[in-house]
Amino acid sequence: MTLLRIIGNFLVMAGYPVLLYLHPALGAGIKTVGHVFLLTYFVKYKAWDMLFSLLFVTALDLGFLIKNLQRDERESNIA
């Protein structure tokens, strides 16, 4: 479980620069995978406050990811 927490934190931290400077959809995807790893840790240790705040941020990232993937698909169909 600790390994998942470490990997999750690494993915969340690595996802932010990717989201900001390289590719928004890829960065949001990396962060979302990291959040899923962290969610399992918070459920096991019953850290409900952290769990709900992370669920909120994960929902925002998923919405951002879906929006960007749809935009990328539309742009590829135009070209």
PDB file of N, CA and C in Angstrom:
ATOM      1  N   MET A   1       0.817  -1.187   0.000  1.00  0.00           N
ATOM      2  CA  MET A   1       0.000   0.000   0.000  1.00  0.00           C
ATOM      3  C   MET A   1       0.867   1.260   0.000  1.00  0.00           C
ATOM      4  N   THR A   2       1.953   1.235   0.741  1.00  0.00           N
ATOM      5  CA  THR A   2       2.837   2.402   0.761  1.00  0.00           C
ATOM      6  C   THR A   2       3.461   2.628  -0.605  1.00  0.00           C
ATOM      7  N   LEU A   3       3.771   1.538  -1.309  1.00  0.00           N
ATOM      8  CA  LEU A   3       4.341   1.667  -2.652  1.00  0.00           C
ATOM      9  C   LEU A   3       3.347   2.354  -3.592  1.00  0.00           C
ATOM     10  N   LEU A   4       2.070   2.001  -3.485  1.00  0.00           N
ATOM     11  CA  LEU A   4       1.062   2.670  -4.312  1.00  0.00           C
ATOM     12  C   LEU A   4       0.972   4.156  -3.987  1.00  0.00           C
ATOM     13  N   ARG A   5       1.098   4.487  -2.717  1.00  0.00           N
ATOM     14  CA  ARG A   5       1.058   5.902  -2.318  1.00  0.00           C
ATOM     15  C   ARG A   5       2.248   6.654  -2.901  1.00  0.00           C
ATOM     16  N   ILE A   6       3.419   6.043  -2.855  1.00  0.00           N
ATOM     17  CA  ILE A   6       4.619   6.682  -3.401  1.00  0.00           C
ATOM     18  C   ILE A   6       4.491   6.858  -4.906  1.00  0.00           C
ATOM     19  N   ILE A   7       4.053   5.815  -5.594  1.00  0.00           N
ATOM     20  CA  ILE A   7       3.875   5.887  -7.049  1.00  0.00           C
ATOM     21  C   ILE A   7       2.806   6.926  -7.392  1.00  0.00           C
ATOM     22  N   GLY A   8       1.708   6.920  -6.638  1.00  0.00           N
ATOM     23  CA  GLY A   8       0.634   7.885  -6.883  1.00  0.00           C
ATOM     24  C   GLY A   8       1.103   9.316  -6.718  1.00  0.00           C
ATOM     25  N   ASN A   9       1.841   9.591  -5.660  1.00  0.00           N
ATOM     26  CA  ASN A   9       2.367  10.950  -5.457  1.00  0.00           C
ATOM     27  C   ASN A   9       3.327  11.339  -6.573  1.00  0.00           C
ATOM     28  N   PHE A  10       4.172  10.407  -6.992  1.00  0.00           N
ATOM     29  CA  PHE A  10       5.096  10.693  -8.084  1.00  0.00           C
ATOM     30  C   PHE A  10       4.331  11.018  -9.367  1.00  0.00           C
ATOM     31  N   LEU A  11       3.302  10.229  -9.675  1.00  0.00           N
ATOM     32  CA  LEU A  11       2.534  10.461 -10.902  1.00  0.00           C
ATOM     33  C   LEU A  11       1.800  11.800 -10.858  1.00  0.00           C
ATOM     34  N   VAL A  12       1.258  12.151  -9.705  1.00  0.00           N
ATOM     35  CA  VAL A  12       0.568  13.438  -9.586  1.00  0.00           C
ATOM     36  C   VAL A  12       1.559  14.579  -9.796  1.00  0.00           C
ATOM     37  N   MET A  13       2.728  14.488  -9.179  1.00  0.00           N
ATOM     38  CA  MET A  13       3.727  15.545  -9.335  1.00  0.00           C
ATOM     39  C   MET A  13       4.293  15.587 -10.744  1.00  0.00           C
ATOM     40  N   ALA A  14       4.453  14.436 -11.380  1.00  0.00           N
ATOM     41  CA  ALA A  14       4.971  14.400 -12.751  1.00  0.00           C
ATOM     42  C   ALA A  14       3.910  14.854 -13.751  1.00  0.00           C
ATOM     43  N   GLY A  15       2.646  14.666 -13.417  1.00  0.00           N
ATOM     44  CA  GLY A  15       1.572  15.036 -14.336  1.00  0.00           C
ATOM     45  C   GLY A  15       1.382  16.534 -14.497  1.00  0.00           C
ATOM     46  N   TYR A  16       1.665  17.312 -13.448  1.00  0.00           N
ATOM     47  CA  TYR A  16       1.454  18.752 -13.533  1.00  0.00           C
ATOM     48  C   TYR A  16       2.328  19.423 -14.592  1.00  0.00           C
ATOM     49  N   PRO A  17       3.647  19.196 -14.634  1.00  0.00           N
ATOM     50  CA  PRO A  17       4.434  19.840 -15.693  1.00  0.00           C
ATOM     51  C   PRO A  17       4.041  19.362 -17.092  1.00  0.00           C
ATOM     52  N   VAL A  18       3.685  18.084 -17.201  1.00  0.00           N
ATOM     53  CA  VAL A  18       3.245  17.571 -18.500  1.00  0.00           C
ATOM     54  C   VAL A  18       1.967  18.287 -18.918  1.00  0.00           C
ATOM     55  N   LEU A  19       1.040  18.456 -17.986  1.00  0.00           N
ATOM     56  CA  LEU A  19      -0.214  19.137 -18.272  1.00  0.00           C
ATOM     57  C   LEU A  19       0.025  20.591 -18.682  1.00  0.00           C
ATOM     58  N   LEU A  20       0.918  21.269 -17.985  1.00  0.00           N
ATOM     59  CA  LEU A  20       1.126  22.695 -18.239  1.00  0.00           C
ATOM     60  C   LEU A  20       1.986  22.984 -19.460  1.00  0.00           C
ATOM     61  N   TYR A  21       3.017  22.166 -19.706  1.00  0.00           N
ATOM     62  CA  TYR A  21       4.005  22.543 -20.710  1.00  0.00           C
ATOM     63  C   TYR A  21       4.064  21.632 -21.937  1.00  0.00           C
ATOM     64  N   LEU A  22       3.560  20.406 -21.855  1.00  0.00           N
ATOM     65  CA  LEU A  22       3.712  19.500 -22.984  1.00  0.00           C
ATOM     66  C   LEU A  22       2.385  19.178 -23.665  1.00  0.00           C
ATOM     67  N   HIS A  23       1.533  18.411 -22.982  1.00  0.00           N
ATOM     68  CA  HIS A  23       0.280  17.962 -23.581  1.00  0.00           C
ATOM     69  C   HIS A  23      -0.784  17.881 -22.494  1.00  0.00           C
ATOM     70  N   PRO A  24      -1.801  18.734 -22.554  1.00  0.00           N
ATOM     71  CA  PRO A  24      -2.789  18.779 -21.471  1.00  0.00           C
ATOM     72  C   PRO A  24      -3.506  17.451 -21.222  1.00  0.00           C
ATOM     73  N   ALA A  25      -3.905  16.758 -22.270  1.00  0.00           N
ATOM     74  CA  ALA A  25      -4.642  15.500 -22.073  1.00  0.00           C
ATOM     75  C   ALA A  25      -3.746  14.436 -21.446  1.00  0.00           C
ATOM     76  N   LEU A  26      -2.523  14.352 -21.883  1.00  0.00           N
ATOM     77  CA  LEU A  26      -1.593  13.367 -21.320  1.00  0.00           C
ATOM     78  C   LEU A  26      -1.297  13.677 -19.853  1.00  0.00           C
ATOM     79  N   GLY A  27      -1.081  14.947 -19.541  1.00  0.00           N
ATOM     80  CA  GLY A  27      -0.825  15.333 -18.161  1.00  0.00           C
ATOM     81  C   GLY A  27      -2.009  15.042 -17.246  1.00  0.00           C
ATOM     82  N   ALA A  28      -3.221  15.323 -17.722  1.00  0.00           N
ATOM     83  CA  ALA A  28      -4.409  15.023 -16.922  1.00  0.00           C
ATOM     84  C   ALA A  28      -4.567  13.521 -16.738  1.00  0.00           C
ATOM     85  N   GLY A  29      -4.225  12.744 -17.750  1.00  0.00           N
ATOM     86  CA  GLY A  29      -4.294  11.291 -17.627  1.00  0.00           C
ATOM     87  C   GLY A  29      -3.308  10.753 -16.608  1.00  0.00           C
ATOM     88  N   ILE A  30      -2.090  11.271 -16.626  1.00  0.00           N
ATOM     89  CA  ILE A  30      -1.073  10.839 -15.665  1.00  0.00           C
ATOM     90  C   ILE A  30      -1.514  11.177 -14.242  1.00  0.00           C
ATOM     91  N   LYS A  31      -2.032  12.403 -14.059  1.00  0.00           N
ATOM     92  CA  LYS A  31      -2.509  12.800 -12.734  1.00  0.00           C
ATOM     93  C   LYS A  31      -3.677  11.942 -12.277  1.00  0.00           C
ATOM     94  N   THR A  32      -4.574  11.586 -13.180  1.00  0.00           N
ATOM     95  CA  THR A  32      -5.733  10.782 -12.816  1.00  0.00           C
ATOM     96  C   THR A  32      -5.315   9.389 -12.363  1.00  0.00           C
ATOM     97  N   VAL A  33      -4.355   8.792 -13.048  1.00  0.00           N
ATOM     98  CA  VAL A  33      -3.850   7.479 -12.621  1.00  0.00           C
ATOM     99  C   VAL A  33      -3.217   7.593 -11.234  1.00  0.00           C
ATOM    100  N   GLY A  34      -2.448   8.647 -11.013  1.00  0.00           N
ATOM    101  CA  GLY A  34      -1.870   8.870  -9.686  1.00  0.00           C
ATOM    102  C   GLY A  34      -2.930   9.029  -8.611  1.00  0.00           C
ATOM    103  N   HIS A  35      -4.008   9.743  -8.941  1.00  0.00           N
ATOM    104  CA  HIS A  35      -5.091   9.918  -7.978  1.00  0.00           C
ATOM    105  C   HIS A  35      -5.761   8.596  -7.642  1.00  0.00           C
ATOM    106  N   VAL A  36      -5.927   7.723  -8.621  1.00  0.00           N
ATOM    107  CA  VAL A  36      -6.532   6.410  -8.358  1.00  0.00           C
ATOM    108  C   VAL A  36      -5.662   5.616  -7.391  1.00  0.00           C
ATOM    109  N   PHE A  37      -4.339   5.662  -7.577  1.00  0.00           N
ATOM    110  CA  PHE A  37      -3.444   4.973  -6.643  1.00  0.00           C
ATOM    111  C   PHE A  37      -3.573   5.543  -5.237  1.00  0.00           C
ATOM    112  N   LEU A  38      -3.673   6.864  -5.136  1.00  0.00           N
ATOM    113  CA  LEU A  38      -3.795   7.495  -3.824  1.00  0.00           C
ATOM    114  C   LEU A  38      -5.146   7.191  -3.180  1.00  0.00           C
ATOM    115  N   LEU A  39      -6.198   7.086  -3.978  1.00  0.00           N
ATOM    116  CA  LEU A  39      -7.526   6.799  -3.430  1.00  0.00           C
ATOM    117  C   LEU A  39      -7.539   5.472  -2.680  1.00  0.00           C
ATOM    118  N   THR A  40      -6.853   4.465  -3.209  1.00  0.00           N
ATOM    119  CA  THR A  40      -6.829   3.161  -2.538  1.00  0.00           C
ATOM    120  C   THR A  40      -6.157   3.273  -1.170  1.00  0.00           C
ATOM    121  N   TYR A  41      -5.128   4.076  -1.077  1.00  0.00           N
ATOM    122  CA  TYR A  41      -4.439   4.279   0.198  1.00  0.00           C
ATOM    123  C   TYR A  41      -5.363   4.958   1.213  1.00  0.00           C
ATOM    124  N   PHE A  42      -6.068   6.006   0.779  1.00  0.00           N
ATOM    125  CA  PHE A  42      -6.934   6.740   1.695  1.00  0.00           C
ATOM    126  C   PHE A  42      -8.126   5.902   2.138  1.00  0.00           C
ATOM    127  N   VAL A  43      -8.622   5.023   1.282  1.00  0.00           N
ATOM    128  CA  VAL A  43      -9.721   4.145   1.687  1.00  0.00           C
ATOM    129  C   VAL A  43      -9.240   3.163   2.750  1.00  0.00           C
ATOM    130  N   LYS A  44      -8.070   2.585   2.540  1.00  0.00           N
ATOM    131  CA  LYS A  44      -7.556   1.598   3.501  1.00  0.00           C
ATOM    132  C   LYS A  44      -7.366   2.208   4.888  1.00  0.00           C
ATOM    133  N   TYR A  45      -6.832   3.423   4.927  1.00  0.00           N
ATOM    134  CA  TYR A  45      -6.549   4.054   6.214  1.00  0.00           C
ATOM    135  C   TYR A  45      -7.668   4.974   6.696  1.00  0.00           C
ATOM    136  N   LYS A  46      -8.806   4.937   6.019  1.00  0.00           N
ATOM    137  CA  LYS A  46     -10.011   5.666   6.421  1.00  0.00           C
ATOM    138  C   LYS A  46      -9.761   7.164   6.623  1.00  0.00           C
ATOM    139  N   ALA A  47      -8.985   7.733   5.728  1.00  0.00           N
ATOM    140  CA  ALA A  47      -8.751   9.174   5.742  1.00  0.00           C
ATOM    141  C   ALA A  47      -9.828   9.815   4.866  1.00  0.00           C
ATOM    142  N   TRP A  48     -11.038   9.902   5.416  1.00  0.00           N
ATOM    143  CA  TRP A  48     -12.198  10.296   4.616  1.00  0.00           C
ATOM    144  C   TRP A  48     -12.105  11.726   4.112  1.00  0.00           C
ATOM    145  N   ASP A  49     -11.532  12.634   4.902  1.00  0.00           N
ATOM    146  CA  ASP A  49     -11.409  14.016   4.445  1.00  0.00           C
ATOM    147  C   ASP A  49     -10.511  14.110   3.217  1.00  0.00           C
ATOM    148  N   MET A  50      -9.390  13.407   3.249  1.00  0.00           N
ATOM    149  CA  MET A  50      -8.486  13.389   2.094  1.00  0.00           C
ATOM    150  C   MET A  50      -9.126  12.675   0.907  1.00  0.00           C
ATOM    151  N   LEU A  51      -9.866  11.621   1.206  1.00  0.00           N
ATOM    152  CA  LEU A  51     -10.517  10.855   0.148  1.00  0.00           C
ATOM    153  C   LEU A  51     -11.504  11.725  -0.624  1.00  0.00           C
ATOM    154  N   PHE A  52     -12.354  12.455   0.078  1.00  0.00           N
ATOM    155  CA  PHE A  52     -13.356  13.264  -0.610  1.00  0.00           C
ATOM    156  C   PHE A  52     -12.743  14.449  -1.340  1.00  0.00           C
ATOM    157  N   SER A  53     -11.720  15.057  -0.772  1.00  0.00           N
ATOM    158  CA  SER A  53     -11.068  16.153  -1.489  1.00  0.00           C
ATOM    159  C   SER A  53     -10.348  15.632  -2.735  1.00  0.00           C
ATOM    160  N   LEU A  54      -9.748  14.452  -2.641  1.00  0.00           N
ATOM    161  CA  LEU A  54      -9.084  13.876  -3.808  1.00  0.00           C
ATOM    162  C   LEU A  54     -10.094  13.426  -4.858  1.00  0.00           C
ATOM    163  N   LEU A  55     -11.247  12.927  -4.432  1.00  0.00           N
ATOM    164  CA  LEU A  55     -12.301  12.579  -5.388  1.00  0.00           C
ATOM    165  C   LEU A  55     -12.765  13.808  -6.159  1.00  0.00           C
ATOM    166  N   PHE A  56     -12.871  14.931  -5.480  1.00  0.00           N
ATOM    167  CA  PHE A  56     -13.273  16.177  -6.143  1.00  0.00           C
ATOM    168  C   PHE A  56     -12.244  16.587  -7.197  1.00  0.00           C
ATOM    169  N   VAL A  57     -10.974  16.572  -6.829  1.00  0.00           N
ATOM    170  CA  VAL A  57      -9.916  16.948  -7.767  1.00  0.00           C
ATOM    171  C   VAL A  57      -9.848  15.941  -8.925  1.00  0.00           C
ATOM    172  N   THR A  58     -10.043  14.658  -8.642  1.00  0.00           N
ATOM    173  CA  THR A  58     -10.029  13.641  -9.689  1.00  0.00           C
ATOM    174  C   THR A  58     -11.182  13.862 -10.662  1.00  0.00           C
ATOM    175  N   ALA A  59     -12.344  14.222 -10.161  1.00  0.00           N
ATOM    176  CA  ALA A  59     -13.476  14.501 -11.045  1.00  0.00           C
ATOM    177  C   ALA A  59     -13.174  15.689 -11.954  1.00  0.00           C
ATOM    178  N   LEU A  60     -12.524  16.714 -11.423  1.00  0.00           N
ATOM    179  CA  LEU A  60     -12.135  17.856 -12.252  1.00  0.00           C
ATOM    180  C   LEU A  60     -11.138  17.438 -13.328  1.00  0.00           C
ATOM    181  N   ASP A  61     -10.155  16.622 -12.951  1.00  0.00           N
ATOM    182  CA  ASP A  61      -9.162  16.152 -13.923  1.00  0.00           C
ATOM    183  C   ASP A  61      -9.797  15.284 -15.004  1.00  0.00           C
ATOM    184  N   LEU A  62     -10.740  14.433 -14.616  1.00  0.00           N
ATOM    185  CA  LEU A  62     -11.416  13.591 -15.609  1.00  0.00           C
ATOM    186  C   LEU A  62     -12.221  14.442 -16.585  1.00  0.00           C
ATOM    187  N   GLY A  63     -12.904  15.448 -16.096  1.00  0.00           N
ATOM    188  CA  GLY A  63     -13.631  16.356 -16.981  1.00  0.00           C
ATOM    189  C   GLY A  63     -12.693  17.079 -17.934  1.00  0.00           C
ATOM    190  N   PHE A  64     -11.581  17.540 -17.427  1.00  0.00           N
ATOM    191  CA  PHE A  64     -10.578  18.206 -18.259  1.00  0.00           C
ATOM    192  C   PHE A  64     -10.020  17.250 -19.307  1.00  0.00           C
ATOM    193  N   LEU A  65      -9.752  16.008 -18.896  1.00  0.00           N
ATOM    194  CA  LEU A  65      -9.219  15.001 -19.803  1.00  0.00           C
ATOM    195  C   LEU A  65     -10.222  14.694 -20.916  1.00  0.00           C
ATOM    196  N   ILE A  66     -11.465  14.500 -20.576  1.00  0.00           N
ATOM    197  CA  ILE A  66     -12.487  14.191 -21.588  1.00  0.00           C
ATOM    198  C   ILE A  66     -12.648  15.352 -22.564  1.00  0.00           C
ATOM    199  N   LYS A  67     -12.681  16.576 -22.033  1.00  0.00           N
ATOM    200  CA  LYS A  67     -12.821  17.747 -22.894  1.00  0.00           C
ATOM    201  C   LYS A  67     -11.654  17.853 -23.878  1.00  0.00           C
ATOM    202  N   ASN A  68     -10.450  17.630 -23.400  1.00  0.00           N
ATOM    203  CA  ASN A  68      -9.290  17.738 -24.277  1.00  0.00           C
ATOM    204  C   ASN A  68      -9.212  16.603 -25.276  1.00  0.00           C
ATOM    205  N   LEU A  69      -9.617  15.406 -24.885  1.00  0.00           N
ATOM    206  CA  LEU A  69      -9.616  14.296 -25.839  1.00  0.00           C
ATOM    207  C   LEU A  69     -10.638  14.528 -26.944  1.00  0.00           C
ATOM    208  N   GLN A  70     -11.800  15.083 -26.604  1.00  0.00           N
ATOM    209  CA  GLN A  70     -12.796  15.394 -27.627  1.00  0.00           C
ATOM    210  C   GLN A  70     -12.284  16.482 -28.557  1.00  0.00           C
ATOM    211  N   ARG A  71     -11.602  17.483 -28.007  1.00  0.00           N
ATOM    212  CA  ARG A  71     -11.043  18.548 -28.834  1.00  0.00           C
ATOM    213  C   ARG A  71      -9.974  18.004 -29.771  1.00  0.00           C
ATOM    214  N   ASP A  72      -9.101  17.119 -29.261  1.00  0.00           N
ATOM    215  CA  ASP A  72      -8.063  16.528 -30.100  1.00  0.00           C
ATOM    216  C   ASP A  72      -8.670  15.690 -31.216  1.00  0.00           C
ATOM    217  N   GLU A  73      -9.754  14.994 -30.913  1.00  0.00           N
ATOM    218  CA  GLU A  73     -10.415  14.153 -31.923  1.00  0.00           C
ATOM    219  C   GLU A  73     -11.038  15.038 -33.007  1.00  0.00           C
ATOM    220  N   ARG A  74     -11.674  16.138 -32.615  1.00  0.00           N
ATOM    221  CA  ARG A  74     -12.257  17.050 -33.600  1.00  0.00           C
ATOM    222  C   ARG A  74     -11.176  17.663 -34.483  1.00  0.00           C
ATOM    223  N   GLU A  75     -10.057  18.047 -33.889  1.00  0.00           N
ATOM    224  CA  GLU A  75      -8.978  18.660 -34.670  1.00  0.00           C
ATOM    225  C   GLU A  75      -8.362  17.659 -35.644  1.00  0.00           C
ATOM    226  N   SER A  76      -8.276  16.394 -35.264  1.00  0.00           N
ATOM    227  CA  SER A  76      -7.702  15.394 -36.165  1.00  0.00           C
ATOM    228  C   SER A  76      -8.664  15.078 -37.317  1.00  0.00           C
ATOM    229  N   ASN A  77      -9.978  15.223 -37.089  1.00  0.00           N
ATOM    230  CA  ASN A  77     -10.942  14.978 -38.155  1.00  0.00           C
ATOM    231  C   ASN A  77     -10.957  16.116 -39.168  1.00  0.00           C
ATOM    232  N   ILE A  78     -10.631  17.330 -38.723  1.00  0.00           N
ATOM    233  CA  ILE A  78     -10.622  18.489 -39.611  1.00  0.00           C
ATOM    234  C   ILE A  78      -9.427  18.413 -40.549  1.00  0.00           C
ATOM    235  N   ALA A  79      -8.292  18.020 -40.024  1.00  0.00           N
ATOM    236  CA  ALA A  79      -7.049  18.023 -40.816  1.00  0.00           C
ATOM    237  C   ALA A  79      -6.993  16.932 -41.802  1.00  0.00           C
TER     238      ALA A  79
END
